[in-house]
C-alpha atoms as a PDB file:
ATOM      1  CA  UNK A   1      -2.433   8.518  14.920  1.00  0.00           C
ATOM      2  CA  UNK A   2      -3.554   6.481  12.036  1.00  0.00           C
ATOM      3  CA  UNK A   3      -0.776   6.051   9.227  1.00  0.00           C
ATOM      4  CA  UNK A   4      -1.083   6.962   5.544  1.00  0.00           C
ATOM      5  CA  UNK A   5       0.357   6.012   2.393  1.00  0.00           C
ATOM      6  CA  UNK A   6       0.263   8.511  -0.634  1.00  0.00           C
ATOM      7  CA  UNK A   7       0.257   6.946  -3.965  1.00  0.00           C
ATOM      8  CA  UNK A   8       0.907   9.501  -6.388  1.00  0.00           C
ATOM      9  CA  UNK A   9       1.327  12.782  -4.350  1.00  0.00           C
ATOM     10  CA  UNK A  10       0.978  15.542  -7.102  1.00  0.00           C
ATOM     11  CA  UNK A  11      -0.666  18.742  -5.977  1.00  0.00           C
ATOM     12  CA  UNK A  12      -3.733  17.872  -4.307  1.00  0.00           C
ATOM     13  CA  UNK A  13      -1.479  15.129  -2.574  1.00  0.00           C
ATOM     14  CA  UNK A  14       0.569  17.810  -1.362  1.00  0.00           C
ATOM     15  CA  UNK A  15      -1.662  19.793  -0.194  1.00  0.00           C
ATOM     16  CA  UNK A  16      -3.783  17.004   1.751  1.00  0.00           C
ATOM     17  CA  UNK A  17      -0.515  15.464   3.390  1.00  0.00           C
ATOM     18  CA  UNK A  18       0.819  18.737   4.727  1.00  0.00           C
ATOM     19  CA  UNK A  19      -2.688  19.599   6.377  1.00  0.00           C
ATOM     20  CA  UNK A  20      -2.836  16.046   7.780  1.00  0.00           C
ATOM     21  CA  UNK A  21       0.450  16.048   8.839  1.00  0.00           C
ATOM     22  CA  UNK A  22       0.472  19.506  10.319  1.00  0.00           C
ATOM     23  CA  UNK A  23      -3.174  18.626  12.119  1.00  0.00           C
ATOM     24  CA  UNK A  24      -1.951  15.290  13.295  1.00  0.00           C
ATOM     25  CA  UNK A  25      -4.650  13.860  11.784  1.00  0.00           C
ATOM     26  CA  UNK A  26      -2.442  11.044   9.797  1.00  0.00           C
ATOM     27  CA  UNK A  27       1.351  10.117  10.109  1.00  0.00           C
ATOM     28  CA  UNK A  28       2.781  10.449   6.296  1.00  0.00           C
ATOM     29  CA  UNK A  29       4.437   6.698   6.028  1.00  0.00           C
ATOM     30  CA  UNK A  30       5.322   6.239   2.511  1.00  0.00           C
ATOM     31  CA  UNK A  31       5.034   8.204  -0.473  1.00  0.00           C
ATOM     32  CA  UNK A  32       5.111   6.731  -3.897  1.00  0.00           C
ATOM     33  CA  UNK A  33       5.370   8.414  -7.282  1.00  0.00           C
ATOM     34  CA  UNK A  34       6.942   7.326 -10.659  1.00  0.00           C
ATOM     35  CA  UNK A  35      10.486   8.389  -9.614  1.00  0.00           C
ATOM     36  CA  UNK A  36      12.793   8.707  -6.084  1.00  0.00           C
ATOM     37  CA  UNK A  37      13.230  11.700  -6.746  1.00  0.00           C
ATOM     38  CA  UNK A  38       9.665  13.970  -7.156  1.00  0.00           C
ATOM     39  CA  UNK A  39       8.750  11.510  -4.052  1.00  0.00           C
ATOM     40  CA  UNK A  40      11.604  12.714  -2.450  1.00  0.00           C
ATOM     41  CA  UNK A  41      10.539  16.194  -3.508  1.00  0.00           C
ATOM     42  CA  UNK A  42       7.140  15.486  -1.969  1.00  0.00           C
ATOM     43  CA  UNK A  43       8.423  14.153   1.379  1.00  0.00           C
ATOM     44  CA  UNK A  44      10.701  17.556   1.951  1.00  0.00           C
ATOM     45  CA  UNK A  45       7.376  19.573   1.031  1.00  0.00           C
ATOM     46  CA  UNK A  46       5.015  17.686   3.562  1.00  0.00           C
ATOM     47  CA  UNK A  47       7.559  17.623   6.197  1.00  0.00           C
ATOM     48  CA  UNK A  48       7.379  14.017   6.974  1.00  0.00           C
ATOM     49  CA  UNK A  49       7.161  10.341   5.597  1.00  0.00           C
ATOM     50  CA  UNK A  50       9.747   8.086   2.881  1.00  0.00           C
ATOM     51  CA  UNK A  51       9.823   8.412  -0.587  1.00  0.00           C
ATOM     52  CA  UNK A  52       9.979   4.860  -2.650  1.00  0.00           C
ATOM     53  CA  UNK A  53       9.441   4.314  -5.891  1.00  0.00           C
ATOM     54  CA  UNK A  54       7.845   0.700  -5.929  1.00  0.00           C
ATOM     55  CA  UNK A  55       4.732  -0.707  -4.782  1.00  0.00           C
ATOM     56  CA  UNK A  56       6.341  -3.505  -3.439  1.00  0.00           C
ATOM     57  CA  UNK A  57       7.662  -0.836  -1.286  1.00  0.00           C
ATOM     58  CA  UNK A  58       5.025  -0.071   0.755  1.00  0.00           C
ATOM     59  CA  UNK A  59       4.577  -1.059   3.854  1.00  0.00           C
ATOM     60  CA  UNK A  60       0.889  -1.309   5.565  1.00  0.00           C
ATOM     61  CA  UNK A  61      -0.981   1.622   6.499  1.00  0.00           C
ATOM     62  CA  UNK A  62      -4.395   2.323   8.169  1.00  0.00           C
ATOM     63  CA  UNK A  63      -5.132   5.014   5.122  1.00  0.00           C
ATOM     64  CA  UNK A  64      -4.149   4.522   1.282  1.00  0.00           C
ATOM     65  CA  UNK A  65      -4.848   8.367  -0.704  1.00  0.00           C
ATOM     66  CA  UNK A  66      -4.124   7.506  -4.423  1.00  0.00           C
ATOM     67  CA  UNK A  67      -3.967  11.746  -5.740  1.00  0.00           C
ATOM     68  CA  UNK A  68      -2.401  10.213  -9.125  1.00  0.00           C
ATOM     69  CA  UNK A  69      -3.969  11.804 -12.585  1.00  0.00           C
ATOM     70  CA  UNK A  70      -7.352   9.953 -13.228  1.00  0.00           C
ATOM     71  CA  UNK A  71      -6.133   7.920 -15.994  1.00  0.00           C
ATOM     72  CA  UNK A  72      -3.659   6.682 -13.448  1.00  0.00           C
ATOM     73  CA  UNK A  73      -5.985   5.830 -10.947  1.00  0.00           C
ATOM     74  CA  UNK A  74      -7.487   2.750 -11.965  1.00  0.00           C
ATOM     75  CA  UNK A  75      -3.935   0.853 -12.895  1.00  0.00           C
ATOM     76  CA  UNK A  76      -2.115   1.888  -9.580  1.00  0.00           C
ATOM     77  CA  UNK A  77      -5.412   0.579  -7.328  1.00  0.00           C
ATOM     78  CA  UNK A  78      -5.220  -3.225  -9.101  1.00  0.00           C
ATOM     79  CA  UNK A  79      -1.218  -2.749  -8.572  1.00  0.00           C
ATOM     80  CA  UNK A  80      -1.863  -1.885  -4.567  1.00  0.00           C
ATOM     81  CA  UNK A  81      -4.692  -4.643  -4.708  1.00  0.00           C
ATOM     82  CA  UNK A  82      -2.016  -7.473  -5.840  1.00  0.00           C
ATOM     83  CA  UNK A  83       0.410  -6.357  -2.654  1.00  0.00           C
ATOM     84  CA  UNK A  84      -0.434  -8.244   0.688  1.00  0.00           C
ATOM     85  CA  UNK A  85      -0.984  -4.475   2.710  1.00  0.00           C
ATOM     86  CA  UNK A  86      -4.689  -4.328   2.535  1.00  0.00           C
ATOM     87  CA  UNK A  87      -7.425  -5.758   4.651  1.00  0.00           C
ATOM     88  CA  UNK A  88     -10.716  -4.778   6.645  1.00  0.00           C
ATOM     89  CA  UNK A  89      -8.874  -2.012   8.435  1.00  0.00           C
ATOM     90  CA  UNK A  90      -7.660  -0.593   5.592  1.00  0.00           C
ATOM     91  CA  UNK A  91      -9.448   2.448   3.595  1.00  0.00           C
ATOM     92  CA  UNK A  92      -8.231   2.908   0.165  1.00  0.00           C
ATOM     93  CA  UNK A  93      -9.576   6.591  -1.745  1.00  0.00           C
ATOM     94  CA  UNK A  94      -8.685   8.908  -4.327  1.00  0.00           C
ATOM     95  CA  UNK A  95      -9.153  12.415  -4.894  1.00  0.00           C
ATOM     96  CA  UNK A  96     -10.775  12.723  -8.240  1.00  0.00           C
ATOM     97  CA  UNK A  97     -13.181  14.939  -8.739  1.00  0.00           C
ATOM     98  CA  UNK A  98     -14.951  13.542 -11.774  1.00  0.00           C
ATOM     99  CA  UNK A  99     -14.414   9.656 -11.301  1.00  0.00           C
ATOM    100  CA  UNK A 100     -16.320   7.783  -8.420  1.00  0.00           C
ATOM    101  CA  UNK A 101     -15.174   5.248  -6.127  1.00  0.00           C
ATOM    102  CA  UNK A 102     -16.356   1.949  -7.906  1.00  0.00           C
ATOM    103  CA  UNK A 103     -13.138   2.389  -9.848  1.00  0.00           C
ATOM    104  CA  UNK A 104     -11.469   1.107  -6.485  1.00  0.00           C
ATOM    105  CA  UNK A 105     -13.318  -1.988  -6.842  1.00  0.00           C
ATOM    106  CA  UNK A 106      -9.909  -4.387  -6.544  1.00  0.00           C
ATOM    107  CA  UNK A 107      -9.141  -2.866  -3.468  1.00  0.00           C
ATOM    108  CA  UNK A 108     -12.728  -3.158  -2.392  1.00  0.00           C
ATOM    109  CA  UNK A 109     -12.367  -7.198  -3.304  1.00  0.00           C
ATOM    110  CA  UNK A 110      -9.451  -7.606  -0.937  1.00  0.00           C
ATOM    111  CA  UNK A 111     -10.979  -6.339   1.994  1.00  0.00           C
ATOM    112  CA  UNK A 112     -10.374  -2.699   2.261  1.00  0.00           C
ATOM    113  CA  UNK A 113     -13.236  -0.147   2.520  1.00  0.00           C
ATOM    114  CA  UNK A 114     -12.863   2.523  -0.366  1.00  0.00           C
ATOM    115  CA  UNK A 115     -14.431   6.235  -1.043  1.00  0.00           C
ATOM    116  CA  UNK A 116     -13.267   9.116  -3.095  1.00  0.00           C
ATOM    117  CA  UNK A 117     -12.983  12.672  -2.218  1.00  0.00           C
ATOM    118  CA  UNK A 118     -13.196  16.043  -3.938  1.00  0.00           C
ATOM    119  CA  UNK A 119     -11.776  19.124  -2.491  1.00  0.00           C
ATOM    120  CA  UNK A 120     -13.176  21.855  -4.631  1.00  0.00           C
ATOM    121  CA  UNK A 121     -10.193  24.625  -4.579  1.00  0.00           C
ATOM    122  CA  UNK A 122      -7.825  25.235  -6.735  1.00  0.00           C
ATOM    123  CA  UNK A 123      -4.587  23.732  -5.536  1.00  0.00           C
ATOM    124  CA  UNK A 124      -1.785  25.219  -8.265  1.00  0.00           C
ATOM    125  CA  UNK A 125       0.284  26.292  -5.438  1.00  0.00           C
ATOM    126  CA  UNK A 126      -0.015  23.144  -2.721  1.00  0.00           C
ATOM    127  CA  UNK A 127       1.845  25.621   0.003  1.00  0.00           C
ATOM    128  CA  UNK A 128      -0.601  28.898  -0.785  1.00  0.00           C
ATOM    129  CA  UNK A 129      -3.799  25.695  -0.959  1.00  0.00           C
ATOM    130  CA  UNK A 130      -2.236  24.589   2.509  1.00  0.00           C
ATOM    131  CA  UNK A 131      -2.336  27.439   4.237  1.00  0.00           C
ATOM    132  CA  UNK A 132      -6.216  28.924   2.989  1.00  0.00           C
ATOM    133  CA  UNK A 133      -7.788  25.535   3.086  1.00  0.00           C
ATOM    134  CA  UNK A 134      -9.793  26.176   5.725  1.00  0.00           C
ATOM    135  CA  UNK A 135     -13.696  26.683   4.855  1.00  0.00           C
ATOM    136  CA  UNK A 136     -13.140  24.420   1.656  1.00  0.00           C
ATOM    137  CA  UNK A 137     -16.685  22.519   0.782  1.00  0.00           C
ATOM    138  CA  UNK A 138     -14.731  18.808   0.017  1.00  0.00           C
ATOM    139  CA  UNK A 139     -17.270  16.135  -1.603  1.00  0.00           C
ATOM    140  CA  UNK A 140     -17.360  12.593  -0.184  1.00  0.00           C
ATOM    141  CA  UNK A 141     -18.871   9.272  -1.383  1.00  0.00           C
ATOM    142  CA  UNK A 142     -18.342   5.818  -0.755  1.00  0.00           C
ATOM    143  CA  UNK A 143     -18.490   3.079   1.708  1.00  0.00           C
ATOM    144  CA  UNK A 144     -19.440   4.550   5.084  1.00  0.00           C
ATOM    145  CA  UNK A 145     -16.640   3.444   6.757  1.00  0.00           C
ATOM    146  CA  UNK A 146     -14.063   4.940   5.086  1.00  0.00           C
ATOM    147  CA  UNK A 147     -16.042   8.362   4.262  1.00  0.00           C
ATOM    148  CA  UNK A 148     -16.339   8.289   8.330  1.00  0.00           C
ATOM    149  CA  UNK A 149     -12.532   8.211   8.557  1.00  0.00           C
ATOM    150  CA  UNK A 150     -12.048  11.036   5.558  1.00  0.00           C
ATOM    151  CA  UNK A 151     -14.962  13.029   6.775  1.00  0.00           C
ATOM    152  CA  UNK A 152     -13.346  13.644   9.648  1.00  0.00           C
ATOM    153  CA  UNK A 153      -9.633  13.751   8.778  1.00  0.00           C
ATOM    154  CA  UNK A 154     -11.013  16.937   6.441  1.00  0.00           C
ATOM    155  CA  UNK A 155     -13.345  18.515   9.094  1.00  0.00           C
ATOM    156  CA  UNK A 156     -10.247  18.419  11.225  1.00  0.00           C
ATOM    157  CA  UNK A 157      -8.689  20.443   9.074  1.00  0.00           C
ATOM    158  CA  UNK A 158     -11.361  23.092   8.779  1.00  0.00           C
ATOM    159  CA  UNK A 159     -12.908  21.849   5.220  1.00  0.00           C
ATOM    160  CA  UNK A 160     -16.663  21.906   4.836  1.00  0.00           C
ATOM    161  CA  UNK A 161     -18.140  18.310   3.920  1.00  0.00           C
ATOM    162  CA  UNK A 162     -20.622  17.159   1.831  1.00  0.00           C
ATOM    163  CA  UNK A 163     -22.339  14.004   0.177  1.00  0.00           C
ATOM    164  CA  UNK A 164     -21.932  13.172  -3.197  1.00  0.00           C
ATOM    165  CA  UNK A 165     -24.416  10.836  -5.568  1.00  0.00           C
ATOM    166  CA  UNK A 166     -21.478   8.501  -7.367  1.00  0.00           C
ATOM    167  CA  UNK A 167     -23.602   8.420 -10.261  1.00  0.00           C
ATOM    168  CA  UNK A 168     -23.543  12.218 -10.679  1.00  0.00           C
ATOM    169  CA  UNK A 169     -19.856  12.853  -9.909  1.00  0.00           C
ATOM    170  CA  UNK A 170     -18.582  13.474 -13.399  1.00  0.00           C
ATOM    171  CA  UNK A 171     -21.547  16.185 -13.832  1.00  0.00           C
ATOM    172  CA  UNK A 172     -20.361  17.393 -10.401  1.00  0.00           C
ATOM    173  CA  UNK A 173     -16.980  18.097 -11.650  1.00  0.00           C
ATOM    174  CA  UNK A 174     -18.083  19.577 -14.854  1.00  0.00           C
ATOM    175  CA  UNK A 175     -19.954  22.495 -12.738  1.00  0.00           C
ATOM    176  CA  UNK A 176     -16.089  22.767 -10.739  1.00  0.00           C
ATOM    177  CA  UNK A 177     -14.383  22.916 -14.596  1.00  0.00           C
ATOM    178  CA  UNK A 178     -17.156  25.465 -15.857  1.00  0.00           C
ATOM    179  CA  UNK A 179     -17.260  27.663 -12.767  1.00  0.00           C
ATOM    180  CA  UNK A 180     -13.655  27.680 -12.466  1.00  0.00           C
ATOM    181  CA  UNK A 181     -11.820  26.668 -15.230  1.00  0.00           C
ATOM    182  CA  UNK A 182     -13.745  28.113 -17.777  1.00  0.00           C
ATOM    183  CA  UNK A 183     -14.337  31.283 -16.021  1.00  0.00           C
ATOM    184  CA  UNK A 184     -10.849  31.911 -16.957  1.00  0.00           C
ATOM    185  CA  UNK A 185     -11.336  30.764 -19.747  1.00  0.00           C
ATOM    186  CA  UNK A 186     -13.899  33.590 -20.493  1.00  0.00           C
ATOM    187  CA  UNK A 187     -12.112  35.947 -18.602  1.00  0.00           C
ATOM    188  CA  UNK A 188      -9.235  35.312 -21.448  1.00  0.00           C
ATOM    189  CA  UNK A 189     -12.199  35.691 -24.529  1.00  0.00           C
ATOM    190  CA  UNK A 190     -13.470  38.905 -22.730  1.00  0.00           C
ATOM    191  CA  UNK A 191      -9.346  40.042 -23.004  1.00  0.00           C
ATOM    192  CA  UNK A 192      -9.137  39.015 -26.800  1.00  0.00           C
ATOM    193  CA  UNK A 193     -12.645  41.445 -27.448  1.00  0.00           C
ATOM    194  CA  UNK A 194     -10.753  44.292 -25.405  1.00  0.00           C
ATOM    195  CA  UNK A 195      -7.614  43.949 -27.885  1.00  0.00           C
ATOM    196  CA  UNK A 196      -9.658  43.513 -30.613  1.00  0.00           C
ATOM    197  CA  UNK A 197     -11.306  46.946 -30.148  1.00  0.00           C
ATOM    198  CA  UNK A 198      -8.160  48.883 -29.467  1.00  0.00           C
ATOM    199  CA  UNK A 199      -7.126  48.682 -25.720  1.00  0.00           C
ATOM    200  CA  UNK A 200      -3.982  46.996 -24.356  1.00  0.00           C
ATOM    201  CA  UNK A 201      -3.926  44.181 -22.538  1.00  0.00           C
ATOM    202  CA  UNK A 202      -2.889  46.195 -18.945  1.00  0.00           C
ATOM    203  CA  UNK A 203      -5.753  48.294 -19.524  1.00  0.00           C
ATOM    204  CA  UNK A 204      -8.061  45.848 -20.178  1.00  0.00           C
ATOM    205  CA  UNK A 205      -7.188  43.505 -16.891  1.00  0.00           C
ATOM    206  CA  UNK A 206      -8.097  47.017 -14.759  1.00  0.00           C
ATOM    207  CA  UNK A 207     -11.074  47.652 -17.033  1.00  0.00           C
ATOM    208  CA  UNK A 208     -12.425  44.417 -16.293  1.00  0.00           C
ATOM    209  CA  UNK A 209     -11.714  44.402 -12.428  1.00  0.00           C
ATOM    210  CA  UNK A 210     -14.358  45.957 -11.395  1.00  0.00           C
ATOM    211  CA  UNK A 211     -17.206  44.915 -13.468  1.00  0.00           C
ATOM    212  CA  UNK A 212     -16.207  41.124 -12.913  1.00  0.00           C
ATOM    213  CA  UNK A 213     -15.894  41.369  -9.447  1.00  0.00           C
ATOM    214  CA  UNK A 214     -19.070  43.267  -8.851  1.00  0.00           C
ATOM    215  CA  UNK A 215     -20.871  40.973 -11.098  1.00  0.00           C
ATOM    216  CA  UNK A 216     -19.372  37.669  -9.265  1.00  0.00           C
ATOM    217  CA  UNK A 217     -20.479  39.996  -5.661  1.00  0.00           C
ATOM    218  CA  UNK A 218     -23.953  40.374  -7.599  1.00  0.00           C
ATOM    219  CA  UNK A 219     -24.584  36.754  -8.310  1.00  0.00           C
ATOM    220  CA  UNK A 220     -23.599  35.314  -4.719  1.00  0.00           C
ATOM    221  CA  UNK A 221     -25.712  38.210  -3.063  1.00  0.00           C
ATOM    222  CA  UNK A 222     -28.706  38.270  -5.507  1.00  0.00           C
ATOM    223  CA  UNK A 223     -28.836  35.093  -6.815  1.00  0.00           C
ATOM    224  CA  UNK A 224     -28.100  34.740 -11.025  1.00  0.00           C
ATOM    225  CA  UNK A 225     -31.246  35.666 -11.698  1.00  0.00           C
ATOM    226  CA  UNK A 226     -31.349  39.211 -10.276  1.00  0.00           C
ATOM    227  CA  UNK A 227     -27.455  39.350 -11.209  1.00  0.00           C
ATOM    228  CA  UNK A 228     -28.507  39.307 -14.619  1.00  0.00           C
ATOM    229  CA  UNK A 229     -27.840  42.930 -15.868  1.00  0.00           C
ATOM    230  CA  UNK A 230     -27.396  44.130 -19.956  1.00  0.00           C
ATOM    231  CA  UNK A 231     -28.936  43.749 -23.334  1.00  0.00           C
ATOM    232  CA  UNK A 232     -30.782  40.284 -23.063  1.00  0.00           C
ATOM    233  CA  UNK A 233     -32.145  41.357 -19.620  1.00  0.00           C
ATOM    234  CA  UNK A 234     -33.815  43.862 -21.339  1.00  0.00           C
ATOM    235  CA  UNK A 235     -34.986  42.133 -24.079  1.00  0.00           C
ATOM    236  CA  UNK A 236     -32.449  44.383 -26.907  1.00  0.00           C
ATOM    237  CA  UNK A 237     -32.461  42.439 -29.542  1.00  0.00           C
ATOM    238  CA  UNK A 238     -30.631  44.909 -32.050  1.00  0.00           C
ATOM    239  CA  UNK A 239     -27.934  45.360 -30.233  1.00  0.00           C
ATOM    240  CA  UNK A 240     -27.467  41.158 -30.007  1.00  0.00           C
ATOM    241  CA  UNK A 241     -28.399  41.287 -33.253  1.00  0.00           C
ATOM    242  CA  UNK A 242     -25.234  43.990 -33.536  1.00  0.00           C
ATOM    243  CA  UNK A 243     -22.662  41.589 -31.698  1.00  0.00           C
ATOM    244  CA  UNK A 244     -23.434  38.630 -33.672  1.00  0.00           C
ATOM    245  CA  UNK A 245     -22.661  40.379 -36.748  1.00  0.00           C
ATOM    246  CA  UNK A 246     -19.323  41.738 -35.778  1.00  0.00           C
ATOM    247  CA  UNK A 247     -18.394  38.653 -33.916  1.00  0.00           C
ATOM    248  CA  UNK A 248     -18.990  36.449 -37.277  1.00  0.00           C
ATOM    249  CA  UNK A 249     -16.781  38.605 -39.253  1.00  0.00           C
ATOM    250  CA  UNK A 250     -14.140  38.493 -36.584  1.00  0.00           C
ATOM    251  CA  UNK A 251     -14.060  35.049 -34.723  1.00  0.00           C
ATOM    252  CA  UNK A 252     -16.426  32.345 -35.459  1.00  0.00           C
ATOM    253  CA  UNK A 253     -15.155  30.527 -31.999  1.00  0.00           C
ATOM    254  CA  UNK A 254     -16.305  33.568 -29.922  1.00  0.00           C
ATOM    255  CA  UNK A 255     -19.247  34.041 -31.905  1.00  0.00           C
ATOM    256  CA  UNK A 256     -20.416  30.669 -30.638  1.00  0.00           C
ATOM    257  CA  UNK A 257     -19.673  31.240 -27.266  1.00  0.00           C
ATOM    258  CA  UNK A 258     -21.306  34.397 -26.795  1.00  0.00           C
ATOM    259  CA  UNK A 259     -24.517  32.356 -28.338  1.00  0.00           C
ATOM    260  CA  UNK A 260     -24.328  29.760 -26.297  1.00  0.00           C
ATOM    261  CA  UNK A 261     -23.924  31.637 -22.958  1.00  0.00           C
ATOM    262  CA  UNK A 262     -26.446  34.077 -24.304  1.00  0.00           C
ATOM    263  CA  UNK A 263     -29.211  31.036 -24.302  1.00  0.00           C
ATOM    264  CA  UNK A 264     -28.988  30.857 -21.166  1.00  0.00           C
ATOM    265  CA  UNK A 265     -29.210  34.735 -20.335  1.00  0.00           C
ATOM    266  CA  UNK A 266     -32.603  34.271 -21.950  1.00  0.00           C
ATOM    267  CA  UNK A 267     -33.624  31.835 -19.767  1.00  0.00           C
ATOM    268  CA  UNK A 268     -32.958  33.608 -16.643  1.00  0.00           C
ATOM    269  CA  UNK A 269     -33.996  37.082 -18.434  1.00  0.00           C
ATOM    270  CA  UNK A 270     -37.469  35.516 -18.765  1.00  0.00           C
ATOM    271  CA  UNK A 271     -37.611  34.249 -14.919  1.00  0.00           C
ATOM    272  CA  UNK A 272     -36.512  38.037 -14.311  1.00  0.00           C
ATOM    273  CA  UNK A 273     -39.768  39.296 -16.125  1.00  0.00           C
ATOM    274  CA  UNK A 274     -38.211  42.360 -16.812  1.00  0.00           C
ATOM    275  CA  UNK A 275     -37.861  41.534 -21.374  1.00  0.00           C
ATOM    276  CA  UNK A 276     -41.254  41.349 -23.143  1.00  0.00           C
ATOM    277  CA  UNK A 277     -41.294  37.740 -24.699  1.00  0.00           C
ATOM    278  CA  UNK A 278     -41.720  38.760 -28.072  1.00  0.00           C
ATOM    279  CA  UNK A 279     -38.011  40.446 -27.395  1.00  0.00           C
ATOM    280  CA  UNK A 280     -36.460  36.752 -26.342  1.00  0.00           C
ATOM    281  CA  UNK A 281     -38.205  35.069 -28.666  1.00  0.00           C
ATOM    282  CA  UNK A 282     -36.821  36.861 -31.061  1.00  0.00           C
ATOM    283  CA  UNK A 283     -33.359  37.347 -29.192  1.00  0.00           C
ATOM    284  CA  UNK A 284     -33.383  32.817 -29.139  1.00  0.00           C
ATOM    285  CA  UNK A 285     -34.037  32.662 -32.329  1.00  0.00           C
ATOM    286  CA  UNK A 286     -30.889  34.798 -33.258  1.00  0.00           C
ATOM    287  CA  UNK A 287     -29.048  32.841 -30.902  1.00  0.00           C
ATOM    288  CA  UNK A 288     -30.187  29.534 -32.876  1.00  0.00           C
ATOM    289  CA  UNK A 289     -29.291  30.529 -36.397  1.00  0.00           C
END
């Protein structure tokens, strides 16, 4: 079994380390965090490994995962490359969703093969994330040898892997943010509008749930074009105008969110073909003004 060192064992690091340990994919060897206490807590969560708080304490491992924050990956890699534990048999990878494996060039120069992975999953709760990881899509890019090792490691835990062009990894991550993090922000925006209309937040949550879940189901069942309903799908410019006027008198920030998303809805409606071109042109002008 290959050995694994973990540098920066946060939520993603804990999730993957526990999975790989449980599935006998990697033997977790050293866990390096900023403090010995947090490293020890990570080891307790994973169920194996030795907590360390200095790069000099790292033993040589077959695989090294840098699952630190994005701004810490480069410095961590440089400090790792300054040790004597890297050679051509070692795989070094990071788990950032927005940065490519090029950030690991110092390790590559020491002979290691490098890669990056991005599990497209919210790991807010590592314990729950590890239990529900099967079926998670994971993007992989980097050196072929490193990608082969990581593809096998992820798929043995039930992941579905796919290759990613490193030139567009940041856009890939922006997409993940929009459909996950910004979806949460959009739900909060809707809640604020309900509250402004006099509906208590708890009631608004109950009101939102069936329409949100139904809409999401329609998007995946029918596709975005067919799933679009509402005033822009109908070409009802008077409704859109009233929305814009009401929002402009209350909250300009929410108005801008409404307009930006509305312009995308106009494109979908045009493809759908149910609204007249003149009506959509008028709505688009309204949303740009």
